[in-house]
Amino acid sequence: MNCPMGRKRGEIGAGIALLLLGGVTVALSSAQWGGVVLGTLLIIGGAALTWHGARIAVPVLEVADAEFRYRLGTYIVRIPFSDVGSYYVLPGRTRSLALCDAAGRPRHFPSTQGRRASRPYLPLTGMTSPERVHEFMTTVGIPPRDRSLTAGPLPLTMGRPVPKSRRT
């Protein structure tokens, strides 16, 4: 799974299922050493899978001390509200959050992988609902960015705006 939030939920759920299956196996075959060994192995595997799933970092958006914060494990971005003018959510398999300054220019952030490259967005997860991001940003007081030069959004075709002659 590419989405860390989905992977986290999947590993924790599978780990709990293995723990329960191991407990039932030990309880039902307590007289046979093979069943006890199998149940113990299932319990150990389930505990390891649950522990690993709980350690997977997912992005967190926070507001504290008049600044916007983005956390992904040890990667933390702190931006004062006065430096954030607007935002937009990039669609795709792994959604991303782009923040703009007051003039509408995208902000660049260092790579979350520790590389030297910078990116104009902060990665979210595929399971992150854009509506929840919009709701959070509206509550915080950061307006969405209208990325078009006309009134209203442009229809998109394969990621490119449709020319005015073809719009309906």
C-alpha atoms as a PDB file:
ATOM      1  CA  MET A   1       0.000   0.000   0.000  1.00  0.00           C
ATOM      2  CA  ASN A   2       1.333   3.412  -0.913  1.00  0.00           C
ATOM      3  CA  CYS A   3      -0.790   5.403   1.547  1.00  0.00           C
ATOM      4  CA  PRO A   4       0.762   5.472   5.041  1.00  0.00           C
ATOM      5  CA  MET A   5      -2.615   5.954   6.729  1.00  0.00           C
ATOM      6  CA  GLY A   6      -4.114   2.938   4.930  1.00  0.00           C
ATOM      7  CA  ARG A   7      -1.022   0.870   5.625  1.00  0.00           C
ATOM      8  CA  LYS A   8      -1.145   1.827   9.302  1.00  0.00           C
ATOM      9  CA  ARG A   9      -4.810   0.841   9.598  1.00  0.00           C
ATOM     10  CA  GLY A  10      -4.230  -2.386   7.668  1.00  0.00           C
ATOM     11  CA  GLU A  11      -1.252  -3.499   9.746  1.00  0.00           C
ATOM     12  CA  ILE A  12      -2.945  -2.709  13.068  1.00  0.00           C
ATOM     13  CA  GLY A  13      -6.139  -4.518  11.992  1.00  0.00           C
ATOM     14  CA  ALA A  14      -4.237  -7.558  10.729  1.00  0.00           C
ATOM     15  CA  GLY A  15      -2.120  -7.624  13.890  1.00  0.00           C
ATOM     16  CA  ILE A  16      -5.178  -7.594  16.125  1.00  0.00           C
ATOM     17  CA  ALA A  17      -6.758 -10.361  14.044  1.00  0.00           C
ATOM     18  CA  LEU A  18      -3.599 -12.491  14.404  1.00  0.00           C
ATOM     19  CA  LEU A  19      -3.537 -11.842  18.166  1.00  0.00           C
ATOM     20  CA  LEU A  20      -7.137 -13.004  18.496  1.00  0.00           C
ATOM     21  CA  LEU A  21      -6.581 -16.010  16.253  1.00  0.00           C
ATOM     22  CA  GLY A  22      -3.500 -16.993  18.250  1.00  0.00           C
ATOM     23  CA  GLY A  23      -5.404 -16.685  21.541  1.00  0.00           C
ATOM     24  CA  VAL A  24      -8.242 -18.860  20.243  1.00  0.00           C
ATOM     25  CA  THR A  25      -5.761 -21.432  18.883  1.00  0.00           C
ATOM     26  CA  VAL A  26      -3.965 -21.683  22.235  1.00  0.00           C
ATOM     27  CA  ALA A  27      -7.253 -21.922  24.145  1.00  0.00           C
ATOM     28  CA  LEU A  28      -8.761 -24.632  21.918  1.00  0.00           C
ATOM     29  CA  SER A  29      -5.671 -26.821  21.601  1.00  0.00           C
ATOM     30  CA  SER A  30      -4.080 -26.434  25.005  1.00  0.00           C
ATOM     31  CA  ALA A  31      -3.578 -30.242  25.269  1.00  0.00           C
ATOM     32  CA  GLN A  32      -1.547 -30.485  22.053  1.00  0.00           C
ATOM     33  CA  TRP A  33       1.891 -28.920  21.903  1.00  0.00           C
ATOM     34  CA  GLY A  34       1.616 -28.210  18.130  1.00  0.00           C
ATOM     35  CA  GLY A  35      -1.454 -26.020  18.624  1.00  0.00           C
ATOM     36  CA  VAL A  36       0.185 -24.181  21.499  1.00  0.00           C
ATOM     37  CA  VAL A  37       3.307 -23.499  19.403  1.00  0.00           C
ATOM     38  CA  LEU A  38       1.202 -22.330  16.439  1.00  0.00           C
ATOM     39  CA  GLY A  39      -0.919 -20.101  18.683  1.00  0.00           C
ATOM     40  CA  THR A  40       2.168 -18.631  20.314  1.00  0.00           C
ATOM     41  CA  LEU A  41       3.712 -17.880  16.908  1.00  0.00           C
ATOM     42  CA  LEU A  42       0.458 -16.210  15.791  1.00  0.00           C
ATOM     43  CA  ILE A  43       0.415 -14.105  18.970  1.00  0.00           C
ATOM     44  CA  ILE A  44       4.054 -13.043  18.475  1.00  0.00           C
ATOM     45  CA  GLY A  45       3.437 -12.225  14.799  1.00  0.00           C
ATOM     46  CA  GLY A  46       0.273 -10.280  15.626  1.00  0.00           C
ATOM     47  CA  ALA A  47       2.027  -8.296  18.347  1.00  0.00           C
ATOM     48  CA  ALA A  48       4.919  -7.462  16.010  1.00  0.00           C
ATOM     49  CA  LEU A  49       2.549  -6.406  13.211  1.00  0.00           C
ATOM     50  CA  THR A  50       0.474  -4.252  15.567  1.00  0.00           C
ATOM     51  CA  TRP A  51       3.623  -2.623  16.989  1.00  0.00           C
ATOM     52  CA  HIS A  52       5.007  -1.903  13.504  1.00  0.00           C
ATOM     53  CA  GLY A  53       1.673  -0.492  12.314  1.00  0.00           C
ATOM     54  CA  ALA A  54       1.444   1.813  15.329  1.00  0.00           C
ATOM     55  CA  ARG A  55       4.891   3.232  14.506  1.00  0.00           C
ATOM     56  CA  ILE A  56       4.017   4.314  10.943  1.00  0.00           C
ATOM     57  CA  ALA A  57       3.967   8.104  10.752  1.00  0.00           C
ATOM     58  CA  VAL A  58       1.015   9.873   9.145  1.00  0.00           C
ATOM     59  CA  PRO A  59       0.870  13.611   8.379  1.00  0.00           C
ATOM     60  CA  VAL A  60      -0.706  15.835  11.018  1.00  0.00           C
ATOM     61  CA  LEU A  61      -1.916  19.404  10.528  1.00  0.00           C
ATOM     62  CA  GLU A  62      -1.909  21.499  13.725  1.00  0.00           C
ATOM     63  CA  VAL A  63      -2.472  25.040  14.870  1.00  0.00           C
ATOM     64  CA  ALA A  64      -0.644  26.391  17.921  1.00  0.00           C
ATOM     65  CA  ASP A  65       0.877  29.682  19.077  1.00  0.00           C
ATOM     66  CA  ALA A  66      -0.326  31.653  16.015  1.00  0.00           C
ATOM     67  CA  GLU A  67       1.481  29.329  13.611  1.00  0.00           C
ATOM     68  CA  PHE A  68       0.541  26.588  11.193  1.00  0.00           C
ATOM     69  CA  ARG A  69       2.319  23.257  11.767  1.00  0.00           C
ATOM     70  CA  TYR A  70       2.713  20.185   9.586  1.00  0.00           C
ATOM     71  CA  ARG A  71       4.217  17.044  11.141  1.00  0.00           C
ATOM     72  CA  LEU A  72       5.237  13.820   9.422  1.00  0.00           C
ATOM     73  CA  GLY A  73       7.306  11.794  11.872  1.00  0.00           C
ATOM     74  CA  THR A  74      10.386  13.881  12.651  1.00  0.00           C
ATOM     75  CA  TYR A  75       9.774  16.259   9.708  1.00  0.00           C
ATOM     76  CA  ILE A  76       8.139  19.425  11.068  1.00  0.00           C
ATOM     77  CA  VAL A  77       7.172  22.600   9.190  1.00  0.00           C
ATOM     78  CA  ARG A  78       6.238  25.700  11.225  1.00  0.00           C
ATOM     79  CA  ILE A  79       4.898  28.763   9.435  1.00  0.00           C
ATOM     80  CA  PRO A  80       3.494  31.916  11.081  1.00  0.00           C
ATOM     81  CA  PHE A  81      -0.065  32.745   9.974  1.00  0.00           C
ATOM     82  CA  SER A  82       1.103  36.097   8.626  1.00  0.00           C
ATOM     83  CA  ASP A  83       3.209  34.237   6.031  1.00  0.00           C
ATOM     84  CA  VAL A  84       0.348  32.023   4.773  1.00  0.00           C
ATOM     85  CA  GLY A  85      -1.973  33.670   2.293  1.00  0.00           C
ATOM     86  CA  SER A  86      -3.901  30.746   0.799  1.00  0.00           C
ATOM     87  CA  TYR A  87      -3.764  27.017   0.096  1.00  0.00           C
ATOM     88  CA  TYR A  88      -4.895  24.395  -2.378  1.00  0.00           C
ATOM     89  CA  VAL A  89      -5.028  20.592  -2.343  1.00  0.00           C
ATOM     90  CA  LEU A  90      -3.348  18.768  -5.208  1.00  0.00           C
ATOM     91  CA  PRO A  91      -5.402  15.749  -6.314  1.00  0.00           C
ATOM     92  CA  GLY A  92      -3.965  12.366  -7.120  1.00  0.00           C
ATOM     93  CA  ARG A  93      -3.202   8.988  -5.603  1.00  0.00           C
ATOM     94  CA  THR A  94      -1.208  10.670  -2.850  1.00  0.00           C
ATOM     95  CA  ARG A  95      -2.782  14.042  -2.177  1.00  0.00           C
ATOM     96  CA  SER A  96      -0.644  17.043  -1.279  1.00  0.00           C
ATOM     97  CA  LEU A  97      -1.203  20.409   0.393  1.00  0.00           C
ATOM     98  CA  ALA A  98       0.300  23.504  -1.225  1.00  0.00           C
ATOM     99  CA  LEU A  99       0.585  26.735   0.760  1.00  0.00           C
ATOM    100  CA  CYS A 100       0.934  30.136  -0.879  1.00  0.00           C
ATOM    101  CA  ASP A 101       2.185  33.461   0.433  1.00  0.00           C
ATOM    102  CA  ALA A 102       0.040  36.620   0.481  1.00  0.00           C
ATOM    103  CA  ALA A 103       0.931  37.354  -3.169  1.00  0.00           C
ATOM    104  CA  GLY A 104      -0.268  33.893  -4.281  1.00  0.00           C
ATOM    105  CA  ARG A 105       3.171  32.403  -4.982  1.00  0.00           C
ATOM    106  CA  PRO A 106       3.647  28.800  -3.817  1.00  0.00           C
ATOM    107  CA  ARG A 107       5.967  28.264  -0.850  1.00  0.00           C
ATOM    108  CA  HIS A 108       8.790  25.746  -1.230  1.00  0.00           C
ATOM    109  CA  PHE A 109       9.597  23.209   1.470  1.00  0.00           C
ATOM    110  CA  PRO A 110      12.604  20.931   1.914  1.00  0.00           C
ATOM    111  CA  SER A 111      12.070  17.341   0.831  1.00  0.00           C
ATOM    112  CA  THR A 112      10.585  15.018   3.443  1.00  0.00           C
ATOM    113  CA  GLN A 113      13.084  12.342   2.361  1.00  0.00           C
ATOM    114  CA  GLY A 114      16.111  14.416   3.430  1.00  0.00           C
ATOM    115  CA  ARG A 115      17.198  15.084  -0.136  1.00  0.00           C
ATOM    116  CA  ARG A 116      18.425  18.466  -1.300  1.00  0.00           C
ATOM    117  CA  ALA A 117      15.451  19.070  -3.583  1.00  0.00           C
ATOM    118  CA  SER A 118      12.641  21.340  -2.483  1.00  0.00           C
ATOM    119  CA  ARG A 119       8.958  20.919  -3.213  1.00  0.00           C
ATOM    120  CA  PRO A 120       6.083  23.381  -3.454  1.00  0.00           C
ATOM    121  CA  TYR A 121       3.764  21.082  -1.478  1.00  0.00           C
ATOM    122  CA  LEU A 122       3.459  19.005   1.682  1.00  0.00           C
ATOM    123  CA  PRO A 123       2.495  15.337   1.134  1.00  0.00           C
ATOM    124  CA  LEU A 124      -0.743  14.090   2.683  1.00  0.00           C
ATOM    125  CA  THR A 125      -2.129  10.562   2.321  1.00  0.00           C
ATOM    126  CA  GLY A 126      -4.404   8.963  -0.261  1.00  0.00           C
ATOM    127  CA  MET A 127      -7.024   8.399   2.437  1.00  0.00           C
ATOM    128  CA  THR A 128      -7.020  12.080   3.460  1.00  0.00           C
ATOM    129  CA  SER A 129     -10.304  13.622   2.419  1.00  0.00           C
ATOM    130  CA  PRO A 130      -9.898  16.990   0.634  1.00  0.00           C
ATOM    131  CA  GLU A 131     -13.129  18.087   2.313  1.00  0.00           C
ATOM    132  CA  ARG A 132     -11.564  17.553   5.759  1.00  0.00           C
ATOM    133  CA  VAL A 133      -8.516  19.585   4.733  1.00  0.00           C
ATOM    134  CA  HIS A 134     -10.786  22.372   3.432  1.00  0.00           C
ATOM    135  CA  GLU A 135     -12.797  22.244   6.672  1.00  0.00           C
ATOM    136  CA  PHE A 136      -9.642  22.440   8.809  1.00  0.00           C
ATOM    137  CA  MET A 137      -8.148  25.315   6.806  1.00  0.00           C
ATOM    138  CA  THR A 138     -11.449  27.235   6.869  1.00  0.00           C
ATOM    139  CA  THR A 139     -11.663  26.794  10.646  1.00  0.00           C
ATOM    140  CA  VAL A 140      -8.098  28.077  10.986  1.00  0.00           C
ATOM    141  CA  GLY A 141      -8.879  31.054   8.753  1.00  0.00           C
ATOM    142  CA  ILE A 142      -6.725  30.298   5.707  1.00  0.00           C
ATOM    143  CA  PRO A 143      -8.708  30.852   2.479  1.00  0.00           C
ATOM    144  CA  PRO A 144      -8.519  28.494  -0.529  1.00  0.00           C
ATOM    145  CA  ARG A 145      -6.616  29.748  -3.550  1.00  0.00           C
ATOM    146  CA  ASP A 146      -8.528  30.279  -6.774  1.00  0.00           C
ATOM    147  CA  ARG A 147      -5.913  29.082  -9.265  1.00  0.00           C
ATOM    148  CA  SER A 148      -7.672  30.428 -12.343  1.00  0.00           C
ATOM    149  CA  LEU A 149      -7.541  33.909 -13.841  1.00  0.00           C
ATOM    150  CA  THR A 150     -11.259  33.820 -14.633  1.00  0.00           C
ATOM    151  CA  ALA A 151     -14.205  33.776 -12.255  1.00  0.00           C
ATOM    152  CA  GLY A 152     -14.614  30.141 -11.204  1.00  0.00           C
ATOM    153  CA  PRO A 153     -12.610  26.991 -11.711  1.00  0.00           C
ATOM    154  CA  LEU A 154     -11.435  25.859 -15.142  1.00  0.00           C
ATOM    155  CA  PRO A 155     -12.539  22.479 -16.500  1.00  0.00           C
ATOM    156  CA  LEU A 156      -9.531  20.151 -16.762  1.00  0.00           C
ATOM    157  CA  THR A 157      -8.619  17.651 -19.446  1.00  0.00           C
ATOM    158  CA  MET A 158      -5.651  15.362 -18.714  1.00  0.00           C
ATOM    159  CA  GLY A 159      -4.305  17.901 -16.224  1.00  0.00           C
ATOM    160  CA  ARG A 160      -4.365  20.831 -18.687  1.00  0.00           C
ATOM    161  CA  PRO A 161      -6.967  23.623 -18.876  1.00  0.00           C
ATOM    162  CA  VAL A 162      -9.429  23.390 -21.746  1.00  0.00           C
ATOM    163  CA  PRO A 163      -9.061  26.289 -24.247  1.00  0.00           C
ATOM    164  CA  LYS A 164     -11.858  28.874 -24.147  1.00  0.00           C
ATOM    165  CA  SER A 165     -13.053  27.820 -27.604  1.00  0.00           C
ATOM    166  CA  ARG A 166     -13.816  24.280 -26.323  1.00  0.00           C
ATOM    167  CA  ARG A 167     -15.449  25.189 -23.016  1.00  0.00           C
ATOM    168  CA  THR A 168     -19.144  24.455 -22.638  1.00  0.00           C
END
